[in-house]
């Protein structure tokens, strides 16, 4: 009975593996490191001791500027997301946000959709807004403001 090429190839692989193992250490296979030792090696930092991630806390203030009542709900995203309905202007929300290491690298979006206010002429217009971080104004706009906090 003839052997298929696949069986012959498999036999050669087994034979080559046995031969290479025997040649590596005088006929006995070399001891492989235990999986626990291998895992420990991959976890250890190379060279220096690992540093604890630095903490960063930012004081963020979201504001909608104007007088009277907001014509639409104010939608915000800072330390948490929320909606402020029937807000009296000027409106603000202040939060202290602790950033993770990843957020310090890539950022964390803080934003506000200020909606509309009634102008002096009776017409609705986008409400002015601003975002302040640690006392420094970082974003201003009309209708919406956003900033990538790092």
C-alpha atoms as a PDB file:
ATOM      1  CA  UNK A   1       0.000   0.000   0.000  1.00  0.00           C
ATOM      2  CA  UNK A   2       1.438   3.421  -0.992  1.00  0.00           C
ATOM      3  CA  UNK A   3       1.774   6.192   1.574  1.00  0.00           C
ATOM      4  CA  UNK A   4       0.302   9.604   0.806  1.00  0.00           C
ATOM      5  CA  UNK A   5       2.698  12.586   0.588  1.00  0.00           C
ATOM      6  CA  UNK A   6       1.094  14.081   3.704  1.00  0.00           C
ATOM      7  CA  UNK A   7       1.889  11.015   5.828  1.00  0.00           C
ATOM      8  CA  UNK A   8       5.470  10.930   4.498  1.00  0.00           C
ATOM      9  CA  UNK A   9       5.902  14.644   5.313  1.00  0.00           C
ATOM     10  CA  UNK A  10       4.520  14.147   8.837  1.00  0.00           C
ATOM     11  CA  UNK A  11       6.909  11.242   9.375  1.00  0.00           C
ATOM     12  CA  UNK A  12       9.867  13.378   8.291  1.00  0.00           C
ATOM     13  CA  UNK A  13       8.849  16.162  10.720  1.00  0.00           C
ATOM     14  CA  UNK A  14       8.665  13.684  13.615  1.00  0.00           C
ATOM     15  CA  UNK A  15      12.026  12.173  12.639  1.00  0.00           C
ATOM     16  CA  UNK A  16      13.694  15.608  12.330  1.00  0.00           C
ATOM     17  CA  UNK A  17      12.309  16.728  15.689  1.00  0.00           C
ATOM     18  CA  UNK A  18      13.616  13.595  17.404  1.00  0.00           C
ATOM     19  CA  UNK A  19      17.011  14.013  15.781  1.00  0.00           C
ATOM     20  CA  UNK A  20      17.308  17.721  16.767  1.00  0.00           C
ATOM     21  CA  UNK A  21      16.281  16.981  20.351  1.00  0.00           C
ATOM     22  CA  UNK A  22      18.856  14.188  20.635  1.00  0.00           C
ATOM     23  CA  UNK A  23      21.624  16.364  19.181  1.00  0.00           C
ATOM     24  CA  UNK A  24      21.023  19.235  21.601  1.00  0.00           C
ATOM     25  CA  UNK A  25      22.410  17.643  24.754  1.00  0.00           C
ATOM     26  CA  UNK A  26      24.165  14.325  24.264  1.00  0.00           C
ATOM     27  CA  UNK A  27      20.978  12.371  23.610  1.00  0.00           C
ATOM     28  CA  UNK A  28      18.763  13.873  26.307  1.00  0.00           C
ATOM     29  CA  UNK A  29      16.543  16.871  25.766  1.00  0.00           C
ATOM     30  CA  UNK A  30      17.568  20.096  27.521  1.00  0.00           C
ATOM     31  CA  UNK A  31      15.395  21.020  30.462  1.00  0.00           C
ATOM     32  CA  UNK A  32      12.933  23.761  29.530  1.00  0.00           C
ATOM     33  CA  UNK A  33      12.342  26.477  32.095  1.00  0.00           C
ATOM     34  CA  UNK A  34       9.197  25.934  34.081  1.00  0.00           C
ATOM     35  CA  UNK A  35       6.185  27.983  33.057  1.00  0.00           C
ATOM     36  CA  UNK A  36       6.266  29.786  36.432  1.00  0.00           C
ATOM     37  CA  UNK A  37       9.885  30.834  35.877  1.00  0.00           C
ATOM     38  CA  UNK A  38       9.093  31.962  32.336  1.00  0.00           C
ATOM     39  CA  UNK A  39       6.127  34.002  33.573  1.00  0.00           C
ATOM     40  CA  UNK A  40       8.272  35.584  36.296  1.00  0.00           C
ATOM     41  CA  UNK A  41      10.909  36.587  33.730  1.00  0.00           C
ATOM     42  CA  UNK A  42       8.314  38.248  31.491  1.00  0.00           C
ATOM     43  CA  UNK A  43       6.869  40.270  34.394  1.00  0.00           C
ATOM     44  CA  UNK A  44      10.186  41.593  35.710  1.00  0.00           C
ATOM     45  CA  UNK A  45      11.117  45.009  34.336  1.00  0.00           C
ATOM     46  CA  UNK A  46      14.444  45.154  32.585  1.00  0.00           C
ATOM     47  CA  UNK A  47      17.050  47.319  34.237  1.00  0.00           C
ATOM     48  CA  UNK A  48      15.294  49.705  36.614  1.00  0.00           C
ATOM     49  CA  UNK A  49      12.648  49.378  39.279  1.00  0.00           C
ATOM     50  CA  UNK A  50       9.157  50.187  38.065  1.00  0.00           C
ATOM     51  CA  UNK A  51       7.775  53.577  38.952  1.00  0.00           C
ATOM     52  CA  UNK A  52       4.331  54.065  40.456  1.00  0.00           C
ATOM     53  CA  UNK A  53       2.071  56.000  38.085  1.00  0.00           C
ATOM     54  CA  UNK A  54       1.977  59.684  38.947  1.00  0.00           C
ATOM     55  CA  UNK A  55      -1.376  61.080  39.962  1.00  0.00           C
ATOM     56  CA  UNK A  56      -2.842  64.091  38.259  1.00  0.00           C
ATOM     57  CA  UNK A  57      -5.866  65.903  39.626  1.00  0.00           C
ATOM     58  CA  UNK A  58      -7.384  68.714  37.577  1.00  0.00           C
ATOM     59  CA  UNK A  59      -9.986  71.228  38.722  1.00  0.00           C
ATOM     60  CA  UNK A  60     -12.434  71.679  35.841  1.00  0.00           C
ATOM     61  CA  UNK A  61     -15.135  74.338  35.630  1.00  0.00           C
ATOM     62  CA  UNK A  62     -17.842  74.210  32.948  1.00  0.00           C
ATOM     63  CA  UNK A  63     -19.857  77.400  32.398  1.00  0.00           C
ATOM     64  CA  UNK A  64     -22.799  78.619  30.351  1.00  0.00           C
ATOM     65  CA  UNK A  65     -22.919  82.406  30.221  1.00  0.00           C
ATOM     66  CA  UNK A  66     -26.060  84.473  29.902  1.00  0.00           C
ATOM     67  CA  UNK A  67     -29.075  85.799  31.802  1.00  0.00           C
ATOM     68  CA  UNK A  68     -32.450  84.296  32.546  1.00  0.00           C
ATOM     69  CA  UNK A  69     -33.408  80.703  31.785  1.00  0.00           C
ATOM     70  CA  UNK A  70     -31.732  78.332  29.343  1.00  0.00           C
ATOM     71  CA  UNK A  71     -34.133  77.554  26.493  1.00  0.00           C
ATOM     72  CA  UNK A  72     -32.804  73.992  26.184  1.00  0.00           C
ATOM     73  CA  UNK A  73     -31.221  71.539  28.631  1.00  0.00           C
ATOM     74  CA  UNK A  74     -27.489  71.885  29.274  1.00  0.00           C
ATOM     75  CA  UNK A  75     -25.634  68.632  28.584  1.00  0.00           C
ATOM     76  CA  UNK A  76     -22.220  68.144  30.202  1.00  0.00           C
ATOM     77  CA  UNK A  77     -19.465  65.575  30.521  1.00  0.00           C
ATOM     78  CA  UNK A  78     -16.787  66.074  33.180  1.00  0.00           C
ATOM     79  CA  UNK A  79     -16.389  63.891  36.283  1.00  0.00           C
ATOM     80  CA  UNK A  80     -19.743  62.432  35.279  1.00  0.00           C
ATOM     81  CA  UNK A  81     -22.192  63.012  32.456  1.00  0.00           C
ATOM     82  CA  UNK A  82     -25.468  64.772  33.051  1.00  0.00           C
ATOM     83  CA  UNK A  83     -28.267  66.990  31.873  1.00  0.00           C
ATOM     84  CA  UNK A  84     -29.346  70.184  33.597  1.00  0.00           C
ATOM     85  CA  UNK A  85     -32.911  71.081  32.643  1.00  0.00           C
ATOM     86  CA  UNK A  86     -34.511  74.459  33.295  1.00  0.00           C
ATOM     87  CA  UNK A  87     -31.181  76.007  34.319  1.00  0.00           C
ATOM     88  CA  UNK A  88     -30.874  79.605  35.411  1.00  0.00           C
ATOM     89  CA  UNK A  89     -27.997  81.442  33.740  1.00  0.00           C
ATOM     90  CA  UNK A  90     -25.193  82.003  34.367  1.00  0.00           C
ATOM     91  CA  UNK A  91     -24.729  78.298  35.130  1.00  0.00           C
ATOM     92  CA  UNK A  92     -21.572  76.451  36.181  1.00  0.00           C
ATOM     93  CA  UNK A  93     -20.367  73.076  37.400  1.00  0.00           C
ATOM     94  CA  UNK A  94     -16.988  72.484  39.037  1.00  0.00           C
ATOM     95  CA  UNK A  95     -15.366  69.068  39.400  1.00  0.00           C
ATOM     96  CA  UNK A  96     -12.033  67.658  40.510  1.00  0.00           C
ATOM     97  CA  UNK A  97     -11.015  64.946  38.069  1.00  0.00           C
ATOM     98  CA  UNK A  98      -8.265  62.438  38.883  1.00  0.00           C
ATOM     99  CA  UNK A  99      -6.695  61.227  35.664  1.00  0.00           C
ATOM    100  CA  UNK A 100      -5.436  57.677  35.205  1.00  0.00           C
ATOM    101  CA  UNK A 101      -2.026  57.069  33.636  1.00  0.00           C
ATOM    102  CA  UNK A 102      -3.643  56.320  30.280  1.00  0.00           C
ATOM    103  CA  UNK A 103      -5.777  59.471  30.455  1.00  0.00           C
ATOM    104  CA  UNK A 104      -2.641  61.513  31.120  1.00  0.00           C
ATOM    105  CA  UNK A 105      -1.152  60.099  27.918  1.00  0.00           C
ATOM    106  CA  UNK A 106      -4.112  60.199  25.512  1.00  0.00           C
ATOM    107  CA  UNK A 107      -6.469  62.564  27.294  1.00  0.00           C
ATOM    108  CA  UNK A 108     -10.010  62.577  28.619  1.00  0.00           C
ATOM    109  CA  UNK A 109     -12.724  64.581  26.890  1.00  0.00           C
ATOM    110  CA  UNK A 110     -14.667  67.141  28.926  1.00  0.00           C
ATOM    111  CA  UNK A 111     -17.471  68.930  27.152  1.00  0.00           C
ATOM    112  CA  UNK A 112     -20.608  71.007  27.428  1.00  0.00           C
ATOM    113  CA  UNK A 113     -23.505  71.585  25.048  1.00  0.00           C
ATOM    114  CA  UNK A 114     -24.914  74.891  26.161  1.00  0.00           C
ATOM    115  CA  UNK A 115     -28.039  74.897  24.020  1.00  0.00           C
ATOM    116  CA  UNK A 116     -29.848  78.130  23.216  1.00  0.00           C
ATOM    117  CA  UNK A 117     -30.783  81.334  24.967  1.00  0.00           C
ATOM    118  CA  UNK A 118     -33.256  84.010  23.974  1.00  0.00           C
ATOM    119  CA  UNK A 119     -31.462  87.102  22.705  1.00  0.00           C
ATOM    120  CA  UNK A 120     -32.436  90.720  23.309  1.00  0.00           C
ATOM    121  CA  UNK A 121     -34.359  90.651  20.009  1.00  0.00           C
ATOM    122  CA  UNK A 122     -36.418  87.656  21.200  1.00  0.00           C
ATOM    123  CA  UNK A 123     -34.697  85.225  18.822  1.00  0.00           C
ATOM    124  CA  UNK A 124     -32.975  82.077  20.039  1.00  0.00           C
ATOM    125  CA  UNK A 125     -29.215  81.927  19.626  1.00  0.00           C
ATOM    126  CA  UNK A 126     -26.448  79.545  20.788  1.00  0.00           C
ATOM    127  CA  UNK A 127     -25.478  80.198  24.396  1.00  0.00           C
ATOM    128  CA  UNK A 128     -21.851  81.135  25.069  1.00  0.00           C
ATOM    129  CA  UNK A 129     -19.849  78.580  27.074  1.00  0.00           C
ATOM    130  CA  UNK A 130     -16.356  78.128  28.437  1.00  0.00           C
ATOM    131  CA  UNK A 131     -14.190  75.505  30.111  1.00  0.00           C
ATOM    132  CA  UNK A 132     -11.549  76.392  32.691  1.00  0.00           C
ATOM    133  CA  UNK A 133      -8.889  73.940  33.925  1.00  0.00           C
ATOM    134  CA  UNK A 134      -6.889  74.767  37.063  1.00  0.00           C
ATOM    135  CA  UNK A 135      -7.881  78.429  36.721  1.00  0.00           C
ATOM    136  CA  UNK A 136      -6.821  78.704  33.062  1.00  0.00           C
ATOM    137  CA  UNK A 137      -9.430  79.169  30.297  1.00  0.00           C
ATOM    138  CA  UNK A 138      -8.909  76.377  27.760  1.00  0.00           C
ATOM    139  CA  UNK A 139     -12.055  76.505  25.590  1.00  0.00           C
ATOM    140  CA  UNK A 140     -14.733  79.028  24.633  1.00  0.00           C
ATOM    141  CA  UNK A 141     -17.548  78.794  22.158  1.00  0.00           C
ATOM    142  CA  UNK A 142     -21.209  79.255  21.341  1.00  0.00           C
ATOM    143  CA  UNK A 143     -23.514  76.273  21.576  1.00  0.00           C
ATOM    144  CA  UNK A 144     -20.792  73.819  22.623  1.00  0.00           C
ATOM    145  CA  UNK A 145     -17.301  73.634  24.104  1.00  0.00           C
ATOM    146  CA  UNK A 146     -14.939  70.688  24.407  1.00  0.00           C
ATOM    147  CA  UNK A 147     -11.431  70.088  25.660  1.00  0.00           C
ATOM    148  CA  UNK A 148      -9.077  67.088  25.845  1.00  0.00           C
ATOM    149  CA  UNK A 149      -7.932  67.031  29.471  1.00  0.00           C
ATOM    150  CA  UNK A 150      -4.426  65.608  30.117  1.00  0.00           C
END
